[in-house]
Amino acid sequence: MASSPVIGYRREFHFPDPPEVVWAAVEEVDRFEEWWLWLHEFRLDGPGLVDGAVLRGVVAPPLPYRMRIEVELVRCDRPSRVDALIRGDLEGHGELRLHPDRSGTRAEVSWEIEMMQRPMRIASRFALPMLRWGHDRVVEMTVAGFRHRMEPGGR
């Protein structure tokens, strides 16, 4: 039976700052391309992280493919919640939750995305583990870059 080109992801991360500080860093969307070398042609259509804003860009993981996506922010509750719809070469939905805890913030991220490019759908039939590996490397680079931004002197 062929594998589905859907990638599901759910993970928690901890940051030593309170949710308000983490949210403020996430709001620095004009710096995303500087922070994350896998993101290109990025722009935000809207006044910030608010309901209805749309983030657009090209994702270039450490594999030989690129994906043009847009992320519509369906629900944003500062400083704790983002629900989004993903469209383009990837389609699906994602969530971010920021929870205060005794030592900072517990960030929960989850998404389910489906590859829409015909070559990627075909490749997923025999190379889904490699595609998941590329996905996971992008996530790791994103979190590492964000952690660096959150360190004293990194902002």
Protein backbone atom coordinates (compact mmCIF):
# COMPACT_ATOMS: atom_id res chain seq x y z
CA MET A 1 0.00 0.00 0.00
CA ALA A 2 1.37 3.47 -0.96
CA SER A 3 2.22 5.96 1.75
CA SER A 4 0.13 9.10 1.99
CA PRO A 5 1.89 12.41 1.21
CA VAL A 6 0.57 13.80 4.51
CA ILE A 7 2.97 14.85 7.22
CA GLY A 8 1.59 15.19 10.73
CA TYR A 9 3.64 16.88 13.43
CA ARG A 10 3.08 17.55 17.12
CA ARG A 11 5.74 18.66 19.56
CA GLU A 12 6.33 20.76 22.67
CA PHE A 13 9.23 23.13 23.25
CA HIS A 14 10.21 25.10 26.31
CA PHE A 15 11.41 28.71 26.39
CA PRO A 16 12.65 30.44 29.56
CA ASP A 17 10.69 33.65 28.88
CA PRO A 18 6.98 34.26 29.60
CA PRO A 19 4.44 33.90 26.75
CA GLU A 20 4.25 37.68 26.19
CA VAL A 21 7.99 37.80 25.41
CA VAL A 22 7.83 34.71 23.18
CA TRP A 23 4.85 36.18 21.32
CA ALA A 24 6.68 39.48 20.82
CA ALA A 25 9.55 37.57 19.18
CA VAL A 26 7.12 35.66 16.95
CA GLU A 27 5.65 39.02 15.87
CA GLU A 28 8.99 40.06 14.35
CA VAL A 29 7.87 38.68 10.98
CA ASP A 30 9.97 41.20 9.06
CA ARG A 31 13.07 39.36 10.34
CA PHE A 32 12.01 35.80 9.46
CA GLU A 33 14.11 35.53 6.28
CA GLU A 34 17.14 36.83 8.19
CA TRP A 35 16.64 34.21 10.91
CA TRP A 36 15.75 31.24 8.73
CA LEU A 37 17.74 30.67 5.56
CA TRP A 38 15.21 28.13 4.29
CA LEU A 39 12.55 30.87 3.93
CA HIS A 40 12.49 33.04 0.79
CA GLU A 41 10.25 35.69 -0.79
CA PHE A 42 8.48 36.12 2.54
CA ARG A 43 5.83 38.73 3.15
CA LEU A 44 2.96 39.41 5.50
CA ASP A 45 -0.32 40.67 4.10
CA GLY A 46 -2.01 42.27 7.08
CA PRO A 47 -1.24 44.39 10.14
CA GLY A 48 0.55 41.65 12.10
CA LEU A 49 -0.42 38.43 13.83
CA VAL A 50 -4.16 39.00 13.71
CA ASP A 51 -7.17 37.11 12.40
CA GLY A 52 -7.23 37.21 8.61
CA ALA A 53 -3.57 38.11 8.04
CA VAL A 54 -1.76 35.97 5.45
CA LEU A 55 1.92 34.99 5.45
CA ARG A 56 3.36 34.09 2.03
CA GLY A 57 6.71 32.65 1.07
CA VAL A 58 8.82 29.88 -0.38
CA VAL A 59 10.12 27.05 1.80
CA ALA A 60 13.42 25.52 0.63
CA PRO A 61 14.37 22.57 2.86
CA PRO A 62 17.74 20.81 2.66
CA LEU A 63 16.42 18.65 -0.17
CA PRO A 64 16.13 19.50 -3.88
CA TYR A 65 12.64 20.96 -3.88
CA ARG A 66 10.91 24.23 -3.04
CA MET A 67 7.35 24.87 -1.95
CA ARG A 68 5.38 28.06 -2.35
CA ILE A 69 2.89 28.43 0.50
CA GLU A 70 0.52 30.84 2.14
CA VAL A 71 -0.58 30.65 5.74
CA GLU A 72 -3.86 32.31 6.65
CA LEU A 73 -4.14 33.21 10.32
CA VAL A 74 -7.66 32.12 11.17
CA ARG A 75 -7.53 32.84 14.89
CA CYS A 76 -4.92 34.76 16.86
CA ASP A 77 -5.30 35.32 20.60
CA ARG A 78 -2.33 37.30 21.89
CA PRO A 79 -0.18 35.90 23.60
CA SER A 80 -1.41 32.33 23.60
CA ARG A 81 -2.91 30.99 20.38
CA VAL A 82 -2.60 30.88 16.61
CA ASP A 83 -4.75 28.68 14.35
CA ALA A 84 -3.86 28.70 10.67
CA LEU A 85 -4.82 27.27 7.29
CA ILE A 86 -2.00 26.37 4.90
CA ARG A 87 -2.44 26.55 1.12
CA GLY A 88 -0.28 26.24 -1.97
CA ASP A 89 2.28 23.50 -2.56
CA LEU A 90 1.39 22.33 0.95
CA GLU A 91 -2.19 22.25 2.21
CA GLY A 92 -3.47 21.69 5.70
CA HIS A 93 -3.76 23.36 9.06
CA GLY A 94 -1.52 24.25 11.97
CA GLU A 95 -1.70 25.43 15.56
CA LEU A 96 0.56 27.18 18.04
CA ARG A 97 -0.24 27.34 21.74
CA LEU A 98 1.84 29.22 24.31
CA HIS A 99 1.28 28.21 27.94
CA PRO A 100 2.89 29.89 30.94
CA ASP A 101 4.68 27.58 33.32
CA ARG A 102 6.89 28.07 36.37
CA SER A 103 10.04 28.45 34.32
CA GLY A 104 8.79 30.33 31.24
CA THR A 105 6.66 29.12 28.35
CA ARG A 106 5.62 25.72 27.09
CA ALA A 107 5.01 26.05 23.35
CA GLU A 108 2.90 23.39 21.64
CA VAL A 109 3.02 23.23 17.86
CA SER A 110 1.09 20.90 15.62
CA TRP A 111 0.15 20.67 11.98
CA GLU A 112 -0.98 18.31 9.32
CA ILE A 113 0.11 19.14 5.80
CA GLU A 114 -0.34 17.40 2.48
CA MET A 115 2.11 17.79 -0.38
CA MET A 116 0.26 19.05 -3.45
CA GLN A 117 3.06 19.16 -6.07
CA ARG A 118 2.65 16.21 -8.41
CA PRO A 119 6.37 15.27 -8.32
CA MET A 120 6.32 15.37 -4.51
CA ARG A 121 3.19 13.23 -4.34
CA ILE A 122 4.86 10.67 -6.61
CA ALA A 123 8.12 10.83 -4.64
CA SER A 124 6.21 10.31 -1.38
CA ARG A 125 5.23 6.84 -2.56
CA PHE A 126 8.81 5.64 -2.18
CA ALA A 127 10.63 8.43 -0.32
CA LEU A 128 8.26 9.60 2.42
CA PRO A 129 10.91 8.93 5.13
CA MET A 130 13.34 11.24 3.29
CA LEU A 131 10.64 13.91 2.90
CA ARG A 132 9.83 13.67 6.61
CA TRP A 133 13.57 13.97 7.33
CA GLY A 134 13.70 17.21 5.29
CA HIS A 135 10.61 18.49 7.09
CA ASP A 136 12.09 17.69 10.49
CA ARG A 137 15.39 19.42 9.61
CA VAL A 138 13.48 22.60 8.71
CA VAL A 139 11.63 22.42 12.06
CA GLU A 140 14.90 21.87 13.94
CA MET A 141 16.53 24.85 12.17
CA THR A 142 13.47 26.98 12.94
CA VAL A 143 13.45 26.18 16.65
CA ALA A 144 17.24 26.55 16.98
CA GLY A 145 17.10 29.94 15.26
CA PHE A 146 14.20 31.04 17.42
CA ARG A 147 15.97 29.89 20.60
CA HIS A 148 19.01 31.93 19.56
CA ARG A 149 16.78 34.97 19.03
CA MET A 150 15.31 34.52 22.51
CA GLU A 151 18.73 34.37 24.26
CA PRO A 152 20.00 37.49 26.03
CA GLY A 153 21.76 39.57 23.40
CA GLY A 154 20.07 37.66 20.57
CA ARG A 155 17.22 40.11 20.19
